[in-house]
Amino acid sequence: MPHPATSDQEFVSALRDAVDQFFAAVDDWESSYKRYYRMPGVAKPSDDLVVEQCAFEDRRRALAELLPRAHGLCYKYGQSDVFAGLAHVSLGQFSPQERPDSAISRGERGAVMACLIELSIACRAAEAGLPINMDEPNRRPSLIDRIVAFLG
């Protein structure tokens, strides 16, 4: 875990590494899980998944340590907090034949990576002393705003 006194940019870099390692651990676990027919929802994974299960738990624990500061940065820079669900990923709920997709969907992975990119850009801008523009520059007024403007 990075020291609490590290800059936001260094923290985002460490967070990205932790997320990448977590996604890799999930992928490794699921790859091993899909080798054989499995019963869904078994409380204790079988012996052939012990190494992958330990790696997954270690990566989740490392990521969970970073989440409080990640939540704060999302709030500070006006980003949606997409990291909350990562700490609650459960593997092995479905047999490989029931559900072939990952426990972490492509959309969720994309949202996490997009948020990390946006946080990195915002941190660099803040460290360079540039103003942080949290409003969307191309925001169109809502239908109600347009009606009020038309009538008023």
N, C-alpha and C. Protein backbone atom coordinates (compact mmCIF):
# COMPACT_ATOMS: atom_id res chain seq x y z
N MET A 1 0.85 -1.18 0.00
CA MET A 1 0.00 0.00 0.00
C MET A 1 0.89 1.23 0.00
N PRO A 2 0.59 2.20 -0.87
CA PRO A 2 1.40 3.40 -0.88
C PRO A 2 1.21 4.19 0.41
N HIS A 3 2.26 4.91 0.77
CA HIS A 3 2.23 5.74 1.97
C HIS A 3 1.13 6.79 1.83
N PRO A 4 0.39 7.09 2.91
CA PRO A 4 -0.70 8.05 2.82
C PRO A 4 -0.27 9.44 2.35
N ALA A 5 1.01 9.76 2.51
CA ALA A 5 1.48 11.09 2.12
C ALA A 5 1.85 11.17 0.64
N THR A 6 1.67 10.09 -0.12
CA THR A 6 2.00 10.13 -1.54
C THR A 6 1.02 11.05 -2.26
N SER A 7 1.47 11.54 -3.39
CA SER A 7 0.61 12.45 -4.16
C SER A 7 -0.57 11.68 -4.74
N ASP A 8 -1.58 12.41 -5.15
CA ASP A 8 -2.75 11.77 -5.76
C ASP A 8 -2.36 11.01 -7.02
N GLN A 9 -1.46 11.58 -7.82
CA GLN A 9 -1.04 10.93 -9.06
C GLN A 9 -0.34 9.60 -8.78
N GLU A 10 0.54 9.58 -7.78
CA GLU A 10 1.22 8.33 -7.41
C GLU A 10 0.22 7.31 -6.89
N PHE A 11 -0.76 7.79 -6.13
CA PHE A 11 -1.78 6.89 -5.62
C PHE A 11 -2.60 6.29 -6.76
N VAL A 12 -3.00 7.10 -7.73
CA VAL A 12 -3.79 6.59 -8.85
C VAL A 12 -2.98 5.55 -9.63
N SER A 13 -1.69 5.76 -9.75
CA SER A 13 -0.84 4.79 -10.42
C SER A 13 -0.80 3.47 -9.64
N ALA A 14 -0.68 3.56 -8.32
CA ALA A 14 -0.69 2.36 -7.48
C ALA A 14 -2.06 1.68 -7.53
N LEU A 15 -3.12 2.48 -7.57
CA LEU A 15 -4.47 1.92 -7.67
C LEU A 15 -4.65 1.18 -8.99
N ARG A 16 -4.15 1.75 -10.06
CA ARG A 16 -4.25 1.09 -11.37
C ARG A 16 -3.51 -0.25 -11.36
N ASP A 17 -2.34 -0.28 -10.76
CA ASP A 17 -1.59 -1.54 -10.66
C ASP A 17 -2.38 -2.58 -9.86
N ALA A 18 -2.98 -2.14 -8.74
CA ALA A 18 -3.76 -3.05 -7.91
C ALA A 18 -4.98 -3.57 -8.66
N VAL A 19 -5.63 -2.70 -9.42
CA VAL A 19 -6.80 -3.12 -10.20
C VAL A 19 -6.39 -4.11 -11.29
N ASP A 20 -5.28 -3.82 -11.98
CA ASP A 20 -4.79 -4.74 -13.01
C ASP A 20 -4.48 -6.11 -12.42
N GLN A 21 -3.82 -6.13 -11.27
CA GLN A 21 -3.49 -7.39 -10.62
C GLN A 21 -4.75 -8.12 -10.16
N PHE A 22 -5.72 -7.37 -9.68
CA PHE A 22 -6.99 -7.98 -9.25
C PHE A 22 -7.71 -8.60 -10.43
N PHE A 23 -7.81 -7.87 -11.55
CA PHE A 23 -8.45 -8.42 -12.74
C PHE A 23 -7.72 -9.66 -13.23
N ALA A 24 -6.38 -9.65 -13.19
CA ALA A 24 -5.60 -10.82 -13.62
C ALA A 24 -5.87 -12.01 -12.70
N ALA A 25 -5.99 -11.76 -11.39
CA ALA A 25 -6.28 -12.85 -10.44
C ALA A 25 -7.67 -13.43 -10.69
N VAL A 26 -8.64 -12.58 -10.99
CA VAL A 26 -9.99 -13.05 -11.31
C VAL A 26 -9.95 -13.89 -12.58
N ASP A 27 -9.25 -13.42 -13.59
CA ASP A 27 -9.16 -14.15 -14.85
C ASP A 27 -8.47 -15.50 -14.67
N ASP A 28 -7.39 -15.54 -13.88
CA ASP A 28 -6.70 -16.80 -13.61
C ASP A 28 -7.61 -17.77 -12.88
N TRP A 29 -8.33 -17.27 -11.88
CA TRP A 29 -9.24 -18.12 -11.11
C TRP A 29 -10.31 -18.70 -12.03
N GLU A 30 -10.91 -17.85 -12.83
CA GLU A 30 -11.99 -18.31 -13.71
C GLU A 30 -11.48 -19.26 -14.79
N SER A 31 -10.28 -19.04 -15.26
CA SER A 31 -9.70 -19.94 -16.25
C SER A 31 -9.52 -21.34 -15.65
N SER A 32 -9.00 -21.40 -14.44
CA SER A 32 -8.83 -22.70 -13.77
C SER A 32 -10.18 -23.33 -13.43
N TYR A 33 -11.12 -22.51 -13.05
CA TYR A 33 -12.46 -22.99 -12.68
C TYR A 33 -13.17 -23.65 -13.87
N LYS A 34 -12.94 -23.11 -15.05
CA LYS A 34 -13.63 -23.60 -16.24
C LYS A 34 -13.05 -24.88 -16.82
N ARG A 35 -11.96 -25.36 -16.26
CA ARG A 35 -11.35 -26.58 -16.79
C ARG A 35 -12.23 -27.81 -16.59
N TYR A 36 -12.98 -27.84 -15.51
CA TYR A 36 -13.79 -29.01 -15.18
C TYR A 36 -15.21 -28.57 -14.90
N TYR A 37 -16.12 -29.52 -14.96
CA TYR A 37 -17.50 -29.23 -14.57
C TYR A 37 -17.51 -28.96 -13.07
N ARG A 38 -18.16 -27.91 -12.68
CA ARG A 38 -18.21 -27.53 -11.26
C ARG A 38 -19.65 -27.38 -10.81
N MET A 39 -19.84 -27.58 -9.54
CA MET A 39 -21.15 -27.30 -8.94
C MET A 39 -21.14 -25.85 -8.50
N PRO A 40 -22.16 -25.09 -8.85
CA PRO A 40 -22.18 -23.67 -8.51
C PRO A 40 -22.38 -23.43 -7.02
N GLY A 41 -21.79 -22.34 -6.53
CA GLY A 41 -22.02 -21.88 -5.17
C GLY A 41 -21.43 -22.71 -4.07
N VAL A 42 -20.45 -23.54 -4.36
CA VAL A 42 -19.82 -24.34 -3.31
C VAL A 42 -19.04 -23.40 -2.40
N ALA A 43 -19.22 -23.55 -1.10
CA ALA A 43 -18.62 -22.62 -0.15
C ALA A 43 -17.10 -22.69 -0.17
N LYS A 44 -16.54 -23.87 -0.28
CA LYS A 44 -15.09 -24.03 -0.28
C LYS A 44 -14.65 -24.50 -1.67
N PRO A 45 -13.76 -23.75 -2.31
CA PRO A 45 -13.31 -24.18 -3.63
C PRO A 45 -12.53 -25.49 -3.54
N SER A 46 -12.54 -26.25 -4.61
CA SER A 46 -11.84 -27.53 -4.61
C SER A 46 -10.33 -27.33 -4.53
N ASP A 47 -9.64 -28.41 -4.25
CA ASP A 47 -8.20 -28.35 -4.01
C ASP A 47 -7.40 -27.85 -5.21
N ASP A 48 -7.89 -28.06 -6.42
CA ASP A 48 -7.14 -27.61 -7.59
C ASP A 48 -7.20 -26.10 -7.78
N LEU A 49 -8.03 -25.40 -6.99
CA LEU A 49 -8.14 -23.94 -7.09
C LEU A 49 -7.49 -23.20 -5.91
N VAL A 50 -6.77 -23.91 -5.06
CA VAL A 50 -6.23 -23.31 -3.84
C VAL A 50 -5.27 -22.16 -4.18
N VAL A 51 -4.37 -22.37 -5.10
CA VAL A 51 -3.39 -21.34 -5.45
C VAL A 51 -4.09 -20.11 -6.03
N GLU A 52 -5.01 -20.34 -6.95
CA GLU A 52 -5.74 -19.23 -7.56
C GLU A 52 -6.62 -18.51 -6.55
N GLN A 53 -7.24 -19.28 -5.63
CA GLN A 53 -8.09 -18.68 -4.60
C GLN A 53 -7.27 -17.79 -3.67
N CYS A 54 -6.09 -18.26 -3.27
CA CYS A 54 -5.23 -17.44 -2.40
C CYS A 54 -4.78 -16.17 -3.11
N ALA A 55 -4.41 -16.29 -4.38
CA ALA A 55 -3.99 -15.11 -5.15
C ALA A 55 -5.14 -14.12 -5.28
N PHE A 56 -6.34 -14.63 -5.55
CA PHE A 56 -7.52 -13.78 -5.66
C PHE A 56 -7.78 -13.04 -4.35
N GLU A 57 -7.75 -13.76 -3.24
CA GLU A 57 -8.01 -13.14 -1.94
C GLU A 57 -6.94 -12.11 -1.57
N ASP A 58 -5.67 -12.41 -1.90
CA ASP A 58 -4.60 -11.45 -1.63
C ASP A 58 -4.79 -10.17 -2.45
N ARG A 59 -5.14 -10.32 -3.72
CA ARG A 59 -5.33 -9.16 -4.59
C ARG A 59 -6.56 -8.35 -4.17
N ARG A 60 -7.61 -9.04 -3.75
CA ARG A 60 -8.80 -8.33 -3.28
C ARG A 60 -8.50 -7.56 -2.00
N ARG A 61 -7.73 -8.17 -1.11
CA ARG A 61 -7.36 -7.50 0.14
C ARG A 61 -6.50 -6.26 -0.14
N ALA A 62 -5.55 -6.39 -1.07
CA ALA A 62 -4.69 -5.25 -1.42
C ALA A 62 -5.52 -4.13 -2.04
N LEU A 63 -6.47 -4.49 -2.88
CA LEU A 63 -7.34 -3.49 -3.50
C LEU A 63 -8.25 -2.83 -2.47
N ALA A 64 -8.78 -3.62 -1.54
CA ALA A 64 -9.68 -3.10 -0.52
C ALA A 64 -8.99 -2.05 0.35
N GLU A 65 -7.68 -2.19 0.57
CA GLU A 65 -6.95 -1.21 1.36
C GLU A 65 -6.89 0.15 0.66
N LEU A 66 -6.96 0.15 -0.67
CA LEU A 66 -6.87 1.39 -1.43
C LEU A 66 -8.23 2.05 -1.68
N LEU A 67 -9.29 1.31 -1.48
CA LEU A 67 -10.62 1.83 -1.85
C LEU A 67 -11.07 3.07 -1.11
N PRO A 68 -10.81 3.23 0.19
CA PRO A 68 -11.27 4.46 0.84
C PRO A 68 -10.70 5.73 0.20
N ARG A 69 -9.42 5.72 -0.10
CA ARG A 69 -8.84 6.91 -0.75
C ARG A 69 -9.35 7.04 -2.18
N ALA A 70 -9.57 5.92 -2.86
CA ALA A 70 -10.12 5.97 -4.22
C ALA A 70 -11.50 6.60 -4.21
N HIS A 71 -12.32 6.25 -3.22
CA HIS A 71 -13.65 6.86 -3.11
C HIS A 71 -13.54 8.37 -2.92
N GLY A 72 -12.59 8.78 -2.07
CA GLY A 72 -12.38 10.20 -1.83
C GLY A 72 -11.93 10.95 -3.08
N LEU A 73 -11.04 10.33 -3.86
CA LEU A 73 -10.58 10.97 -5.10
C LEU A 73 -11.72 11.07 -6.12
N CYS A 74 -12.55 10.05 -6.19
CA CYS A 74 -13.70 10.11 -7.11
C CYS A 74 -14.59 11.30 -6.75
N TYR A 75 -14.84 11.47 -5.47
CA TYR A 75 -15.66 12.59 -5.01
C TYR A 75 -14.97 13.92 -5.29
N LYS A 76 -13.69 13.98 -4.99
CA LYS A 76 -12.92 15.23 -5.16
C LYS A 76 -12.91 15.69 -6.61
N TYR A 77 -12.78 14.76 -7.54
CA TYR A 77 -12.65 15.11 -8.95
C TYR A 77 -13.94 14.90 -9.75
N GLY A 78 -15.04 14.67 -9.07
CA GLY A 78 -16.34 14.58 -9.74
C GLY A 78 -16.54 13.36 -10.60
N GLN A 79 -15.95 12.24 -10.22
CA GLN A 79 -16.10 10.99 -10.97
C GLN A 79 -17.08 10.07 -10.27
N SER A 80 -17.74 9.22 -11.04
CA SER A 80 -18.60 8.20 -10.45
C SER A 80 -17.72 7.19 -9.73
N ASP A 81 -18.17 6.74 -8.58
CA ASP A 81 -17.39 5.76 -7.82
C ASP A 81 -17.71 4.36 -8.36
N VAL A 82 -16.87 3.88 -9.25
CA VAL A 82 -17.08 2.58 -9.88
C VAL A 82 -16.31 1.47 -9.19
N PHE A 83 -15.60 1.80 -8.12
CA PHE A 83 -14.75 0.82 -7.45
C PHE A 83 -15.47 0.03 -6.36
N ALA A 84 -16.61 0.51 -5.92
CA ALA A 84 -17.29 -0.10 -4.77
C ALA A 84 -17.63 -1.58 -4.99
N GLY A 85 -18.05 -1.93 -6.18
CA GLY A 85 -18.45 -3.31 -6.45
C GLY A 85 -17.30 -4.29 -6.52
N LEU A 86 -16.09 -3.81 -6.74
CA LEU A 86 -14.96 -4.72 -6.90
C LEU A 86 -14.65 -5.51 -5.63
N ALA A 87 -14.86 -4.90 -4.50
CA ALA A 87 -14.57 -5.58 -3.23
C ALA A 87 -15.56 -6.69 -2.93
N HIS A 88 -16.68 -6.73 -3.65
CA HIS A 88 -17.73 -7.70 -3.36
C HIS A 88 -17.91 -8.74 -4.45
N VAL A 89 -16.91 -8.88 -5.31
CA VAL A 89 -16.98 -9.87 -6.39
C VAL A 89 -16.95 -11.26 -5.76
N SER A 90 -17.89 -12.10 -6.17
CA SER A 90 -17.87 -13.48 -5.71
C SER A 90 -17.70 -14.39 -6.91
N LEU A 91 -16.80 -15.31 -6.77
CA LEU A 91 -16.47 -16.22 -7.85
C LEU A 91 -17.11 -17.58 -7.60
N GLY A 92 -17.46 -18.25 -8.67
CA GLY A 92 -17.98 -19.61 -8.57
C GLY A 92 -19.46 -19.70 -8.25
N GLN A 93 -20.21 -18.63 -8.45
CA GLN A 93 -21.65 -18.68 -8.19
C GLN A 93 -22.38 -19.53 -9.21
N PHE A 94 -21.83 -19.63 -10.40
CA PHE A 94 -22.46 -20.37 -11.48
C PHE A 94 -21.50 -21.42 -12.00
N SER A 95 -22.05 -22.51 -12.50
CA SER A 95 -21.19 -23.50 -13.13
C SER A 95 -20.72 -22.93 -14.47
N PRO A 96 -19.59 -23.41 -14.98
CA PRO A 96 -19.09 -22.88 -16.26
C PRO A 96 -20.09 -23.05 -17.41
N GLN A 97 -20.96 -24.04 -17.32
CA GLN A 97 -21.93 -24.27 -18.38
C GLN A 97 -23.12 -23.31 -18.29
N GLU A 98 -23.40 -22.83 -17.10
CA GLU A 98 -24.53 -21.91 -16.90
C GLU A 98 -24.25 -20.50 -17.39
N ARG A 99 -23.04 -20.04 -17.12
CA ARG A 99 -22.71 -18.64 -17.40
C ARG A 99 -21.25 -18.56 -17.85
N PRO A 100 -21.05 -18.36 -19.13
CA PRO A 100 -19.67 -18.35 -19.63
C PRO A 100 -18.93 -17.03 -19.42
N ASP A 101 -19.64 -15.94 -19.10
CA ASP A 101 -18.97 -14.66 -18.95
C ASP A 101 -18.34 -14.52 -17.56
N SER A 102 -17.50 -13.52 -17.41
CA SER A 102 -16.74 -13.31 -16.19
C SER A 102 -17.62 -12.73 -15.08
N ALA A 103 -17.16 -12.89 -13.85
CA ALA A 103 -17.85 -12.30 -12.71
C ALA A 103 -17.78 -10.78 -12.76
N ILE A 104 -16.75 -10.25 -13.43
CA ILE A 104 -16.62 -8.81 -13.63
C ILE A 104 -16.82 -8.58 -15.12
N SER A 105 -17.92 -7.97 -15.47
CA SER A 105 -18.27 -7.82 -16.88
C SER A 105 -17.30 -6.88 -17.60
N ARG A 106 -17.33 -6.98 -18.92
CA ARG A 106 -16.48 -6.09 -19.74
C ARG A 106 -16.87 -4.63 -19.52
N GLY A 107 -18.16 -4.37 -19.36
CA GLY A 107 -18.62 -3.01 -19.12
C GLY A 107 -18.09 -2.46 -17.81
N GLU A 108 -18.12 -3.28 -16.77
CA GLU A 108 -17.61 -2.83 -15.47
C GLU A 108 -16.10 -2.61 -15.52
N ARG A 109 -15.40 -3.50 -16.21
CA ARG A 109 -13.95 -3.32 -16.36
C ARG A 109 -13.65 -2.03 -17.13
N GLY A 110 -14.41 -1.79 -18.18
CA GLY A 110 -14.21 -0.58 -18.96
C GLY A 110 -14.50 0.68 -18.16
N ALA A 111 -15.54 0.64 -17.34
CA ALA A 111 -15.88 1.79 -16.50
C ALA A 111 -14.79 2.06 -15.48
N VAL A 112 -14.23 1.01 -14.91
CA VAL A 112 -13.15 1.17 -13.93
C VAL A 112 -11.92 1.77 -14.61
N MET A 113 -11.56 1.25 -15.78
CA MET A 113 -10.38 1.77 -16.47
C MET A 113 -10.59 3.21 -16.92
N ALA A 114 -11.79 3.53 -17.40
CA ALA A 114 -12.08 4.91 -17.81
C ALA A 114 -11.99 5.86 -16.61
N CYS A 115 -12.48 5.42 -15.47
CA CYS A 115 -12.41 6.24 -14.26
C CYS A 115 -10.95 6.45 -13.85
N LEU A 116 -10.14 5.41 -13.95
CA LEU A 116 -8.72 5.55 -13.61
C LEU A 116 -8.03 6.54 -14.53
N ILE A 117 -8.37 6.51 -15.81
CA ILE A 117 -7.78 7.46 -16.76
C ILE A 117 -8.22 8.88 -16.41
N GLU A 118 -9.51 9.06 -16.15
CA GLU A 118 -10.01 10.39 -15.80
C GLU A 118 -9.39 10.90 -14.50
N LEU A 119 -9.23 10.01 -13.52
CA LEU A 119 -8.60 10.43 -12.26
C LEU A 119 -7.14 10.82 -12.50
N SER A 120 -6.46 10.07 -13.34
CA SER A 120 -5.07 10.37 -13.64
C SER A 120 -4.94 11.74 -14.30
N ILE A 121 -5.80 12.03 -15.24
CA ILE A 121 -5.79 13.33 -15.92
C ILE A 121 -6.09 14.45 -14.93
N ALA A 122 -7.10 14.25 -14.08
CA ALA A 122 -7.48 15.27 -13.10
C ALA A 122 -6.36 15.51 -12.09
N CYS A 123 -5.69 14.44 -11.67
CA CYS A 123 -4.59 14.59 -10.71
C CYS A 123 -3.42 15.34 -11.33
N ARG A 124 -3.11 15.03 -12.57
CA ARG A 124 -2.02 15.75 -13.25
C ARG A 124 -2.36 17.22 -13.40
N ALA A 125 -3.60 17.50 -13.75
CA ALA A 125 -4.03 18.90 -13.90
C ALA A 125 -3.95 19.62 -12.57
N ALA A 126 -4.37 18.98 -11.51
CA ALA A 126 -4.33 19.60 -10.19
C ALA A 126 -2.90 19.85 -9.73
N GLU A 127 -2.00 18.87 -9.98
CA GLU A 127 -0.61 19.03 -9.58
C GLU A 127 0.09 20.11 -10.41
N ALA A 128 -0.38 20.33 -11.64
CA ALA A 128 0.20 21.37 -12.50
C ALA A 128 -0.39 22.74 -12.18
N GLY A 129 -1.38 22.78 -11.30
CA GLY A 129 -1.98 24.04 -10.91
C GLY A 129 -3.07 24.52 -11.85
N LEU A 130 -3.52 23.65 -12.73
CA LEU A 130 -4.60 24.01 -13.65
C LEU A 130 -5.93 23.91 -12.92
N PRO A 131 -6.89 24.73 -13.29
CA PRO A 131 -8.20 24.63 -12.63
C PRO A 131 -8.88 23.32 -13.01
N ILE A 132 -9.55 22.75 -12.05
CA ILE A 132 -10.27 21.50 -12.28
C ILE A 132 -11.69 21.86 -12.65
N ASN A 133 -12.06 21.56 -13.87
CA ASN A 133 -13.41 21.86 -14.35
C ASN A 133 -14.26 20.62 -14.18
N MET A 134 -15.12 20.64 -13.16
CA MET A 134 -15.94 19.48 -12.89
C MET A 134 -17.26 19.51 -13.65
N ASP A 135 -17.60 20.64 -14.24
CA ASP A 135 -18.81 20.72 -15.06
C ASP A 135 -18.50 20.19 -16.44
N GLU A 136 -19.48 19.55 -17.05
CA GLU A 136 -19.29 19.06 -18.40
C GLU A 136 -19.39 20.25 -19.36
N PRO A 137 -18.37 20.48 -20.19
CA PRO A 137 -18.40 21.64 -21.06
C PRO A 137 -19.46 21.55 -22.16
N ASN A 138 -19.82 20.38 -22.60
CA ASN A 138 -20.77 20.22 -23.70
C ASN A 138 -22.15 19.80 -23.21
N ARG A 139 -22.46 20.12 -21.97
CA ARG A 139 -23.74 19.70 -21.40
C ARG A 139 -24.88 20.47 -22.06
N ARG A 140 -25.81 19.74 -22.60
CA ARG A 140 -27.00 20.36 -23.19
C ARG A 140 -28.03 20.58 -22.11
N PRO A 141 -28.78 21.68 -22.19
CA PRO A 141 -29.82 21.90 -21.18
C PRO A 141 -30.91 20.83 -21.31
N SER A 142 -31.52 20.53 -20.19
CA SER A 142 -32.59 19.55 -20.19
C SER A 142 -33.81 20.10 -20.93
N LEU A 143 -34.76 19.24 -21.18
CA LEU A 143 -35.98 19.64 -21.87
C LEU A 143 -36.72 20.71 -21.08
N ILE A 144 -36.77 20.54 -19.78
CA ILE A 144 -37.46 21.53 -18.93
C ILE A 144 -36.73 22.87 -18.99
N ASP A 145 -35.41 22.85 -18.95
CA ASP A 145 -34.64 24.10 -19.05
C ASP A 145 -34.90 24.79 -20.38
N ARG A 146 -35.01 24.03 -21.46
CA ARG A 146 -35.27 24.63 -22.77
C ARG A 146 -36.68 25.21 -22.85
N ILE A 147 -37.65 24.54 -22.23
CA ILE A 147 -39.03 25.05 -22.24
C ILE A 147 -39.11 26.34 -21.43
N VAL A 148 -38.47 26.36 -20.26
CA VAL A 148 -38.47 27.55 -19.42
C VAL A 148 -37.79 28.70 -20.14
N ALA A 149 -36.67 28.43 -20.82
CA ALA A 149 -35.98 29.48 -21.57
C ALA A 149 -36.83 29.99 -22.73
N PHE A 150 -37.57 29.10 -23.36
CA PHE A 150 -38.41 29.48 -24.49
C PHE A 150 -39.57 30.36 -24.01
N LEU A 151 -40.19 29.98 -22.89
CA LEU A 151 -41.35 30.71 -22.39
C LEU A 151 -40.96 31.95 -21.60
N GLY A 152 -39.80 31.97 -21.05
CA GLY A 152 -39.45 33.07 -20.17
C GLY A 152 -38.57 34.03 -20.78
